[in-house]
PDB file of N, CA and C in Angstrom:
ATOM      1  N   MET A   1      95.369  92.792 106.855  1.00  0.00           N
ATOM      2  CA  MET A   1      96.504  92.312 107.627  1.00  0.00           C
ATOM      3  C   MET A   1      97.083  91.101 106.899  1.00  0.00           C
ATOM      4  N   TYR A   2      98.398  91.071 106.840  1.00  0.00           N
ATOM      5  CA  TYR A   2      99.095  89.984 106.159  1.00  0.00           C
ATOM      6  C   TYR A   2      99.697  89.007 107.170  1.00  0.00           C
ATOM      7  N   GLY A   3     100.067  87.845 106.672  1.00  0.00           N
ATOM      8  CA  GLY A   3     100.629  86.804 107.522  1.00  0.00           C
ATOM      9  C   GLY A   3     101.858  87.240 108.291  1.00  0.00           C
ATOM     10  N   PHE A   4     102.760  87.972 107.640  1.00  0.00           N
ATOM     11  CA  PHE A   4     103.978  88.381 108.337  1.00  0.00           C
ATOM     12  C   PHE A   4     103.666  89.318 109.501  1.00  0.00           C
ATOM     13  N   GLN A   5     102.587  90.090 109.392  1.00  0.00           N
ATOM     14  CA  GLN A   5     102.201  90.980 110.477  1.00  0.00           C
ATOM     15  C   GLN A   5     101.636  90.186 111.653  1.00  0.00           C
ATOM     16  N   LEU A   6     100.903  89.140 111.344  1.00  0.00           N
ATOM     17  CA  LEU A   6     100.366  88.274 112.391  1.00  0.00           C
ATOM     18  C   LEU A   6     101.503  87.536 113.099  1.00  0.00           C
ATOM     19  N   LEU A   7     102.473  87.066 112.339  1.00  0.00           N
ATOM     20  CA  LEU A   7     103.631  86.401 112.933  1.00  0.00           C
ATOM     21  C   LEU A   7     104.419  87.356 113.833  1.00  0.00           C
ATOM     22  N   ARG A   8     104.583  88.589 113.380  1.00  0.00           N
ATOM     23  CA  ARG A   8     105.288  89.595 114.178  1.00  0.00           C
ATOM     24  C   ARG A   8     104.547  89.846 115.492  1.00  0.00           C
ATOM     25  N   LEU A   9     103.230  89.957 115.422  1.00  0.00           N
ATOM     26  CA  LEU A   9     102.434  90.176 116.626  1.00  0.00           C
ATOM     27  C   LEU A   9     102.597  89.011 117.597  1.00  0.00           C
ATOM     28  N   CYS A  10     102.570  87.809 117.089  1.00  0.00           N
ATOM     29  CA  CYS A  10     102.751  86.624 117.938  1.00  0.00           C
ATOM     30  C   CYS A  10     104.102  86.677 118.637  1.00  0.00           C
ATOM     31  N   GLU A  11     105.148  87.000 117.912  1.00  0.00           N
ATOM     32  CA  GLU A  11     106.486  87.061 118.508  1.00  0.00           C
ATOM     33  C   GLU A  11     106.566  88.162 119.570  1.00  0.00           C
ATOM     34  N   GLU A  12     105.941  89.289 119.329  1.00  0.00           N
ATOM     35  CA  GLU A  12     105.935  90.358 120.327  1.00  0.00           C
ATOM     36  C   GLU A  12     105.187  89.933 121.585  1.00  0.00           C
ATOM     37  N   MET A  13     104.073  89.239 121.389  1.00  0.00           N
ATOM     38  CA  MET A  13     103.310  88.775 122.546  1.00  0.00           C
ATOM     39  C   MET A  13     104.072  87.700 123.311  1.00  0.00           C
ATOM     40  N   LYS A  14     104.835  86.877 122.597  1.00  0.00           N
ATOM     41  CA  LYS A  14     105.688  85.886 123.269  1.00  0.00           C
ATOM     42  C   LYS A  14     106.756  86.575 124.109  1.00  0.00           C
ATOM     43  N   SER A  15     107.373  87.609 123.562  1.00  0.00           N
ATOM     44  CA  SER A  15     108.430  88.302 124.304  1.00  0.00           C
ATOM     45  C   SER A  15     107.887  89.000 125.546  1.00  0.00           C
ATOM     46  N   LEU A  16     106.621  89.353 125.503  1.00  0.00           N
ATOM     47  CA  LEU A  16     105.985  89.999 126.648  1.00  0.00           C
ATOM     48  C   LEU A  16     105.465  88.982 127.672  1.00  0.00           C
ATOM     49  N   GLY A  17     105.421  87.711 127.272  1.00  0.00           N
ATOM     50  CA  GLY A  17     104.954  86.665 128.172  1.00  0.00           C
ATOM     51  C   GLY A  17     103.456  86.434 128.131  1.00  0.00           C
ATOM     52  N   LEU A  18     102.769  87.007 127.145  1.00  0.00           N
ATOM     53  CA  LEU A  18     101.323  86.810 127.032  1.00  0.00           C
ATOM     54  C   LEU A  18     100.978  85.471 126.411  1.00  0.00           C
ATOM     55  N   VAL A  19     101.882  84.920 125.624  1.00  0.00           N
ATOM     56  CA  VAL A  19     101.727  83.576 125.060  1.00  0.00           C
ATOM     57  C   VAL A  19     103.059  82.858 125.188  1.00  0.00           C
ATOM     58  N   SER A  20     102.995  81.536 125.211  1.00  0.00           N
ATOM     59  CA  SER A  20     104.233  80.761 125.356  1.00  0.00           C
ATOM     60  C   SER A  20     104.718  80.183 124.040  1.00  0.00           C
ATOM     61  N   SER A  21     103.828  80.104 123.043  1.00  0.00           N
ATOM     62  CA  SER A  21     104.213  79.491 121.775  1.00  0.00           C
ATOM     63  C   SER A  21     103.286  79.951 120.658  1.00  0.00           C
ATOM     64  N   ARG A  22     103.703  79.670 119.431  1.00  0.00           N
ATOM     65  CA  ARG A  22     102.848  79.959 118.269  1.00  0.00           C
ATOM     66  C   ARG A  22     101.579  79.127 118.325  1.00  0.00           C
ATOM     67  N   GLU A  23     101.708  77.909 118.822  1.00  0.00           N
ATOM     68  CA  GLU A  23     100.540  77.018 118.915  1.00  0.00           C
ATOM     69  C   GLU A  23      99.505  77.583 119.875  1.00  0.00           C
ATOM     70  N   GLN A  24      99.969  78.066 121.023  1.00  0.00           N
ATOM     71  CA  GLN A  24      99.039  78.658 121.987  1.00  0.00           C
ATOM     72  C   GLN A  24      98.407  79.915 121.419  1.00  0.00           C
ATOM     73  N   PHE A  25      99.188  80.741 120.755  1.00  0.00           N
ATOM     74  CA  PHE A  25      98.669  81.952 120.125  1.00  0.00           C
ATOM     75  C   PHE A  25      97.585  81.586 119.108  1.00  0.00           C
ATOM     76  N   SER A  26      97.853  80.571 118.298  1.00  0.00           N
ATOM     77  CA  SER A  26      96.887  80.145 117.284  1.00  0.00           C
ATOM     78  C   SER A  26      95.575  79.702 117.908  1.00  0.00           C
ATOM     79  N   ARG A  27      95.672  78.877 118.939  1.00  0.00           N
ATOM     80  CA  ARG A  27      94.457  78.340 119.577  1.00  0.00           C
ATOM     81  C   ARG A  27      93.738  79.376 120.425  1.00  0.00           C
ATOM     82  N   SER A  28      94.468  79.979 121.355  1.00  0.00           N
ATOM     83  CA  SER A  28      93.838  80.827 122.358  1.00  0.00           C
ATOM     84  C   SER A  28      93.491  82.223 121.867  1.00  0.00           C
ATOM     85  N   TRP A  29      94.310  82.790 121.026  1.00  0.00           N
ATOM     86  CA  TRP A  29      94.115  84.171 120.614  1.00  0.00           C
ATOM     87  C   TRP A  29      93.445  84.293 119.253  1.00  0.00           C
ATOM     88  N   CYS A  30      93.752  83.359 118.350  1.00  0.00           N
ATOM     89  CA  CYS A  30      93.175  83.443 116.994  1.00  0.00           C
ATOM     90  C   CYS A  30      91.953  82.546 116.823  1.00  0.00           C
ATOM     91  N   GLY A  31      91.735  81.618 117.774  1.00  0.00           N
ATOM     92  CA  GLY A  31      90.592  80.710 117.665  1.00  0.00           C
ATOM     93  C   GLY A  31      90.756  79.710 116.540  1.00  0.00           C
ATOM     94  N   ARG A  32      91.988  79.316 116.256  1.00  0.00           N
ATOM     95  CA  ARG A  32      92.300  78.391 115.166  1.00  0.00           C
ATOM     96  C   ARG A  32      93.018  77.166 115.717  1.00  0.00           C
ATOM     97  N   GLY A  33      93.361  76.242 114.829  1.00  0.00           N
ATOM     98  CA  GLY A  33      94.108  75.055 115.220  1.00  0.00           C
ATOM     99  C   GLY A  33      95.540  75.404 115.584  1.00  0.00           C
ATOM    100  N   SER A  34      96.201  74.480 116.247  1.00  0.00           N
ATOM    101  CA  SER A  34      97.556  74.749 116.742  1.00  0.00           C
ATOM    102  C   SER A  34      98.569  74.995 115.630  1.00  0.00           C
ATOM    103  N   GLY A  35      98.347  74.498 114.435  1.00  0.00           N
ATOM    104  CA  GLY A  35      99.276  74.683 113.325  1.00  0.00           C
ATOM    105  C   GLY A  35      98.947  75.857 112.426  1.00  0.00           C
ATOM    106  N   TYR A  36      98.022  76.690 112.848  1.00  0.00           N
ATOM    107  CA  TYR A  36      97.542  77.790 112.003  1.00  0.00           C
ATOM    108  C   TYR A  36      98.664  78.717 111.524  1.00  0.00           C
ATOM    109  N   LEU A  37      99.544  79.131 112.392  1.00  0.00           N
ATOM    110  CA  LEU A  37     100.596  80.068 112.000  1.00  0.00           C
ATOM    111  C   LEU A  37     101.620  79.436 111.064  1.00  0.00           C
ATOM    112  N   HIS A  38     101.726  78.129 111.088  1.00  0.00           N
ATOM    113  CA  HIS A  38     102.678  77.459 110.208  1.00  0.00           C
ATOM    114  C   HIS A  38     102.395  77.772 108.737  1.00  0.00           C
ATOM    115  N   ASP A  39     101.127  77.914 108.392  1.00  0.00           N
ATOM    116  CA  ASP A  39     100.763  78.244 107.010  1.00  0.00           C
ATOM    117  C   ASP A  39     101.375  79.568 106.562  1.00  0.00           C
ATOM    118  N   TYR A  40     101.535  80.494 107.487  1.00  0.00           N
ATOM    119  CA  TYR A  40     102.091  81.801 107.143  1.00  0.00           C
ATOM    120  C   TYR A  40     103.614  81.792 107.043  1.00  0.00           C
ATOM    121  N   THR A  41     104.247  80.717 107.473  1.00  0.00           N
ATOM    122  CA  THR A  41     105.702  80.615 107.348  1.00  0.00           C
ATOM    123  C   THR A  41     106.098  79.927 106.043  1.00  0.00           C
ATOM    124  N   ARG A  42     105.154  79.353 105.353  1.00  0.00           N
ATOM    125  CA  ARG A  42     105.434  78.677 104.085  1.00  0.00           C
ATOM    126  C   ARG A  42     105.617  79.699 102.968  1.00  0.00           C
ATOM    127  N   ARG A  43     106.051  79.222 101.846  1.00  0.00           N
ATOM    128  CA  ARG A  43     106.267  80.078 100.682  1.00  0.00           C
ATOM    129  C   ARG A  43     104.993  80.860 100.364  1.00  0.00           C
ATOM    130  N   ASP A  44     105.128  82.131 100.170  1.00  0.00           N
ATOM    131  CA  ASP A  44     104.038  83.069  99.893  1.00  0.00           C
ATOM    132  C   ASP A  44     103.046  83.226 101.045  1.00  0.00           C
ATOM    133  N   GLY A  45     103.258  82.525 102.140  1.00  0.00           N
ATOM    134  CA  GLY A  45     102.356  82.653 103.281  1.00  0.00           C
ATOM    135  C   GLY A  45     102.475  83.991 103.982  1.00  0.00           C
ATOM    136  N   ALA A  46     103.659  84.560 103.940  1.00  0.00           N
ATOM    137  CA  ALA A  46     103.875  85.836 104.620  1.00  0.00           C
ATOM    138  C   ALA A  46     103.047  86.956 104.016  1.00  0.00           C
ATOM    139  N   THR A  47     102.743  86.831 102.726  1.00  0.00           N
ATOM    140  CA  THR A  47     101.961  87.872 102.056  1.00  0.00           C
ATOM    141  C   THR A  47     100.495  87.488 101.887  1.00  0.00           C
ATOM    142  N   ALA A  48     100.100  86.385 102.500  1.00  0.00           N
ATOM    143  CA  ALA A  48      98.692  85.982 102.450  1.00  0.00           C
ATOM    144  C   ALA A  48      97.886  86.837 103.419  1.00  0.00           C
ATOM    145  N   ARG A  49      96.670  87.162 103.031  1.00  0.00           N
ATOM    146  CA  ARG A  49      95.792  87.951 103.912  1.00  0.00           C
ATOM    147  C   ARG A  49      95.256  87.072 105.027  1.00  0.00           C
ATOM    148  N   VAL A  50      95.173  87.633 106.216  1.00  0.00           N
ATOM    149  CA  VAL A  50      94.598  86.958 107.380  1.00  0.00           C
ATOM    150  C   VAL A  50      93.087  87.163 107.310  1.00  0.00           C
ATOM    151  N   SER A  51      92.338  86.112 107.599  1.00  0.00           N
ATOM    152  CA  SER A  51      90.880  86.197 107.482  1.00  0.00           C
ATOM    153  C   SER A  51      90.300  87.187 108.488  1.00  0.00           C
ATOM    154  N   SER A  52      89.201  87.792 108.106  1.00  0.00           N
ATOM    155  CA  SER A  52      88.540  88.757 108.989  1.00  0.00           C
ATOM    156  C   SER A  52      88.051  88.074 110.261  1.00  0.00           C
ATOM    157  N   ARG A  53      87.660  86.811 110.186  1.00  0.00           N
ATOM    158  CA  ARG A  53      87.214  86.062 111.362  1.00  0.00           C
ATOM    159  C   ARG A  53      88.341  85.947 112.388  1.00  0.00           C
ATOM    160  N   THR A  54      89.546  85.670 111.907  1.00  0.00           N
ATOM    161  CA  THR A  54      90.697  85.550 112.789  1.00  0.00           C
ATOM    162  C   THR A  54      91.038  86.901 113.409  1.00  0.00           C
ATOM    163  N   ILE A  55      90.985  87.945 112.620  1.00  0.00           N
ATOM    164  CA  ILE A  55      91.290  89.289 113.122  1.00  0.00           C
ATOM    165  C   ILE A  55      90.272  89.717 114.173  1.00  0.00           C
ATOM    166  N   GLU A  56      89.005  89.448 113.915  1.00  0.00           N
ATOM    167  CA  GLU A  56      87.962  89.794 114.882  1.00  0.00           C
ATOM    168  C   GLU A  56      88.181  89.062 116.198  1.00  0.00           C
ATOM    169  N   ARG A  57      88.488  87.774 116.124  1.00  0.00           N
ATOM    170  CA  ARG A  57      88.726  86.972 117.334  1.00  0.00           C
ATOM    171  C   ARG A  57      89.937  87.517 118.098  1.00  0.00           C
ATOM    172  N   LEU A  58      90.992  87.820 117.377  1.00  0.00           N
ATOM    173  CA  LEU A  58      92.208  88.335 117.997  1.00  0.00           C
ATOM    174  C   LEU A  58      91.960  89.673 118.683  1.00  0.00           C
ATOM    175  N   ARG A  59      91.258  90.572 118.028  1.00  0.00           N
ATOM    176  CA  ARG A  59      90.967  91.884 118.610  1.00  0.00           C
ATOM    177  C   ARG A  59      90.057  91.756 119.831  1.00  0.00           C
ATOM    178  N   LEU A  60      89.113  90.838 119.788  1.00  0.00           N
ATOM    179  CA  LEU A  60      88.237  90.594 120.936  1.00  0.00           C
ATOM    180  C   LEU A  60      89.041  90.095 122.125  1.00  0.00           C
ATOM    181  N   ARG A  61      89.932  89.147 121.884  1.00  0.00           N
ATOM    182  CA  ARG A  61      90.761  88.607 122.957  1.00  0.00           C
ATOM    183  C   ARG A  61      91.704  89.667 123.521  1.00  0.00           C
ATOM    184  N   LEU A  62      92.233  90.534 122.652  1.00  0.00           N
ATOM    185  CA  LEU A  62      93.094  91.612 123.127  1.00  0.00           C
ATOM    186  C   LEU A  62      92.316  92.571 124.031  1.00  0.00           C
ATOM    187  N   ALA A  63      91.085  92.877 123.641  1.00  0.00           N
ATOM    188  CA  ALA A  63      90.246  93.761 124.460  1.00  0.00           C
ATOM    189  C   ALA A  63      89.942  93.109 125.811  1.00  0.00           C
ATOM    190  N   GLU A  64      89.640  91.819 125.803  1.00  0.00           N
ATOM    191  CA  GLU A  64      89.365  91.111 127.050  1.00  0.00           C
ATOM    192  C   GLU A  64      90.601  91.108 127.954  1.00  0.00           C
ATOM    193  N   ALA A  65      91.750  90.814 127.372  1.00  0.00           N
ATOM    194  CA  ALA A  65      92.983  90.765 128.159  1.00  0.00           C
ATOM    195  C   ALA A  65      93.342  92.147 128.679  1.00  0.00           C
ATOM    196  N   GLY A  66      93.155  93.160 127.856  1.00  0.00           N
ATOM    197  CA  GLY A  66      93.483  94.520 128.262  1.00  0.00           C
ATOM    198  C   GLY A  66      92.720  94.971 129.483  1.00  0.00           C
ATOM    199  N   ALA A  67      91.501  94.484 129.616  1.00  0.00           N
ATOM    200  CA  ALA A  67      90.681  94.858 130.770  1.00  0.00           C
ATOM    201  C   ALA A  67      91.176  94.209 132.059  1.00  0.00           C
ATOM    202  N   LEU A  68      91.946  93.129 131.947  1.00  0.00           N
ATOM    203  CA  LEU A  68      92.375  92.383 133.124  1.00  0.00           C
ATOM    204  C   LEU A  68      93.837  92.599 133.506  1.00  0.00           C
ATOM    205  N   LEU A  69      94.609  93.185 132.621  1.00  0.00           N
ATOM    206  CA  LEU A  69      96.051  93.318 132.833  1.00  0.00           C
ATOM    207  C   LEU A  69      96.413  94.576 133.609  1.00  0.00           C
ATOM    208  N   PRO A  70      97.593  94.577 134.218  1.00  0.00           N
ATOM    209  CA  PRO A  70      98.088  95.804 134.851  1.00  0.00           C
ATOM    210  C   PRO A  70      98.268  96.905 133.810  1.00  0.00           C
ATOM    211  N   GLU A  71      98.319  98.136 134.266  1.00  0.00           N
ATOM    212  CA  GLU A  71      98.300  99.283 133.355  1.00  0.00           C
ATOM    213  C   GLU A  71      99.409  99.258 132.303  1.00  0.00           C
ATOM    214  N   ASP A  72     100.630  98.900 132.686  1.00  0.00           N
ATOM    215  CA  ASP A  72     101.727  98.908 131.708  1.00  0.00           C
ATOM    216  C   ASP A  72     101.498  97.881 130.600  1.00  0.00           C
ATOM    217  N   LEU A  73     100.987  96.704 130.955  1.00  0.00           N
ATOM    218  CA  LEU A  73     100.674  95.700 129.935  1.00  0.00           C
ATOM    219  C   LEU A  73      99.421  96.078 129.147  1.00  0.00           C
ATOM    220  N   ARG A  74      98.484  96.704 129.822  1.00  0.00           N
ATOM    221  CA  ARG A  74      97.250  97.142 129.155  1.00  0.00           C
ATOM    222  C   ARG A  74      97.571  98.109 128.020  1.00  0.00           C
ATOM    223  N   ASP A  75      98.486  99.030 128.280  1.00  0.00           N
ATOM    224  CA  ASP A  75      98.885  99.979 127.240  1.00  0.00           C
ATOM    225  C   ASP A  75      99.542  99.268 126.066  1.00  0.00           C
ATOM    226  N   ARG A  76     100.330  98.262 126.366  1.00  0.00           N
ATOM    227  CA  ARG A  76     100.996  97.494 125.306  1.00  0.00           C
ATOM    228  C   ARG A  76      99.975  96.735 124.463  1.00  0.00           C
ATOM    229  N   VAL A  77      98.973  96.146 125.121  1.00  0.00           N
ATOM    230  CA  VAL A  77      97.924  95.405 124.413  1.00  0.00           C
ATOM    231  C   VAL A  77      97.107  96.349 123.531  1.00  0.00           C
ATOM    232  N   ARG A  78      96.822  97.530 124.034  1.00  0.00           N
ATOM    233  CA  ARG A  78      96.112  98.522 123.217  1.00  0.00           C
ATOM    234  C   ARG A  78      96.941  98.917 122.001  1.00  0.00           C
ATOM    235  N   ALA A  79      98.247  99.007 122.186  1.00  0.00           N
ATOM    236  CA  ALA A  79      99.136  99.319 121.061  1.00  0.00           C
ATOM    237  C   ALA A  79      99.102  98.198 120.026  1.00  0.00           C
ATOM    238  N   TYR A  80      98.972  96.959 120.463  1.00  0.00           N
ATOM    239  CA  TYR A  80      98.839  95.849 119.519  1.00  0.00           C
ATOM    240  C   TYR A  80      97.572  96.007 118.689  1.00  0.00           C
ATOM    241  N   ASP A  81      96.483  96.363 119.355  1.00  0.00           N
ATOM    242  CA  ASP A  81      95.227  96.547 118.637  1.00  0.00           C
ATOM    243  C   ASP A  81      95.335  97.699 117.641  1.00  0.00           C
ATOM    244  N   GLU A  82      95.966  98.780 118.042  1.00  0.00           N
ATOM    245  CA  GLU A  82      96.175  99.906 117.126  1.00  0.00           C
ATOM    246  C   GLU A  82      97.031  99.492 115.934  1.00  0.00           C
ATOM    247  N   ALA A  83      98.019  98.637 116.175  1.00  0.00           N
ATOM    248  CA  ALA A  83      98.860  98.143 115.086  1.00  0.00           C
ATOM    249  C   ALA A  83      98.052  97.281 114.128  1.00  0.00           C
ATOM    250  N   ILE A  84      97.126  96.495 114.657  1.00  0.00           N
ATOM    251  CA  ILE A  84      96.266  95.667 113.796  1.00  0.00           C
ATOM    252  C   ILE A  84      95.421  96.569 112.902  1.00  0.00           C
ATOM    253  N   ILE A  85      94.833  97.602 113.481  1.00  0.00           N
ATOM    254  CA  ILE A  85      94.020  98.534 112.691  1.00  0.00           C
ATOM    255  C   ILE A  85      94.860  99.185 111.603  1.00  0.00           C
ATOM    256  N   ARG A  86      96.068  99.610 111.957  1.00  0.00           N
ATOM    257  CA  ARG A  86      96.981 100.203 110.970  1.00  0.00           C
ATOM    258  C   ARG A  86      97.336  99.201 109.873  1.00  0.00           C
ATOM    259  N   ASP A  87      97.637  97.966 110.265  1.00  0.00           N
ATOM    260  CA  ASP A  87      97.994  96.933 109.293  1.00  0.00           C
ATOM    261  C   ASP A  87      96.830  96.616 108.360  1.00  0.00           C
ATOM    262  N   LEU A  88      95.614  96.621 108.885  1.00  0.00           N
ATOM    263  CA  LEU A  88      94.435  96.403 108.050  1.00  0.00           C
ATOM    264  C   LEU A  88      94.295  97.514 107.013  1.00  0.00           C
ATOM    265  N   TYR A  89      94.499  98.735 107.448  1.00  0.00           N
ATOM    266  CA  TYR A  89      94.408  99.886 106.552  1.00  0.00           C
ATOM    267  C   TYR A  89      95.453  99.791 105.442  1.00  0.00           C
ATOM    268  N   ILE A  90      96.671  99.460 105.815  1.00  0.00           N
ATOM    269  CA  ILE A  90      97.749  99.349 104.830  1.00  0.00           C
ATOM    270  C   ILE A  90      97.477  98.224 103.841  1.00  0.00           C
ATOM    271  N   SER A  91      97.052  97.075 104.330  1.00  0.00           N
ATOM    272  CA  SER A  91      96.791  95.954 103.417  1.00  0.00           C
ATOM    273  C   SER A  91      95.628  96.268 102.489  1.00  0.00           C
ATOM    274  N   ASP A  92      94.630  96.997 102.976  1.00  0.00           N
ATOM    275  CA  ASP A  92      93.524  97.404 102.104  1.00  0.00           C
ATOM    276  C   ASP A  92      94.010  98.368 101.028  1.00  0.00           C
ATOM    277  N   LEU A  93      94.871  99.300 101.402  1.00  0.00           N
ATOM    278  CA  LEU A  93      95.431 100.231 100.414  1.00  0.00           C
ATOM    279  C   LEU A  93      96.243  99.492  99.360  1.00  0.00           C
ATOM    280  N   LEU A  94      97.063  98.555  99.805  1.00  0.00           N
ATOM    281  CA  LEU A  94      97.890  97.809  98.857  1.00  0.00           C
ATOM    282  C   LEU A  94      97.050  96.958  97.920  1.00  0.00           C
ATOM    283  N   SER A  95      95.992  96.369  98.427  1.00  0.00           N
ATOM    284  CA  SER A  95      95.155  95.533  97.552  1.00  0.00           C
ATOM    285  C   SER A  95      94.406  96.407  96.544  1.00  0.00           C
ATOM    286  N   ARG A  96      94.002  97.607  96.944  1.00  0.00           N
ATOM    287  CA  ARG A  96      93.360  98.520  95.985  1.00  0.00           C
ATOM    288  C   ARG A  96      94.329  98.960  94.905  1.00  0.00           C
ATOM    289  N   ARG A  97      95.570  99.217  95.284  1.00  0.00           N
ATOM    290  CA  ARG A  97      96.576  99.630  94.311  1.00  0.00           C
ATOM    291  C   ARG A  97      96.790  98.543  93.268  1.00  0.00           C
ATOM    292  N   SER A  98      96.845  97.279  93.709  1.00  0.00           N
ATOM    293  CA  SER A  98      97.073  96.199  92.762  1.00  0.00           C
ATOM    294  C   SER A  98      95.875  96.032  91.834  1.00  0.00           C
ATOM    295  N   ILE A  99      94.677  96.261  92.341  1.00  0.00           N
ATOM    296  CA  ILE A  99      93.467  96.195  91.492  1.00  0.00           C
ATOM    297  C   ILE A  99      93.478  97.343  90.508  1.00  0.00           C
ATOM    298  N   ASP A 100      93.812  98.557  90.974  1.00  0.00           N
ATOM    299  CA  ASP A 100      93.865  99.724  90.103  1.00  0.00           C
ATOM    300  C   ASP A 100      94.896  99.545  88.986  1.00  0.00           C
ATOM    301  N   ALA A 101      95.999  98.894  89.288  1.00  0.00           N
ATOM    302  CA  ALA A 101      97.066  98.713  88.303  1.00  0.00           C
ATOM    303  C   ALA A 101      96.621  97.772  87.190  1.00  0.00           C
ATOM    304  N   ARG A 102      95.688  96.876  87.469  1.00  0.00           N
ATOM    305  CA  ARG A 102      95.220  95.939  86.444  1.00  0.00           C
ATOM    306  C   ARG A 102      94.134  96.525  85.580  1.00  0.00           C
ATOM    307  N   CYS A 103      93.484  97.580  86.034  1.00  0.00           N
ATOM    308  CA  CYS A 103      92.400  98.190  85.256  1.00  0.00           C
ATOM    309  C   CYS A 103      92.970  99.061  84.136  1.00  0.00           C
ATOM    310  N   PRO A 104      92.343  99.019  82.951  1.00  0.00           N
ATOM    311  CA  PRO A 104      92.851  99.831  81.838  1.00  0.00           C
ATOM    312  C   PRO A 104      92.589 101.310  82.046  1.00  0.00           C
TER     313      PRO A 104
END
């Protein structure tokens, strides 16, 4: 998962009312400091990989929230988790391609 994907997820969750700000998303959902997402808005931050620790924390929180939310929001939260899995797969494929391109 890349920084721009994490930023997109935060914005989608804000539009749904699950978080009020990037700072809250960073602290409550990612288990990081309030300025965590700011690093991904800097130059080359959008293409930086998100740590597995952050992804694990985020997926855990999504699962916890999904169990407590009404059905329509629960489905949306599950879709977020599915998007994270898809984004992880894509970023892994892209990183393998770049490694393969450097090998003789």
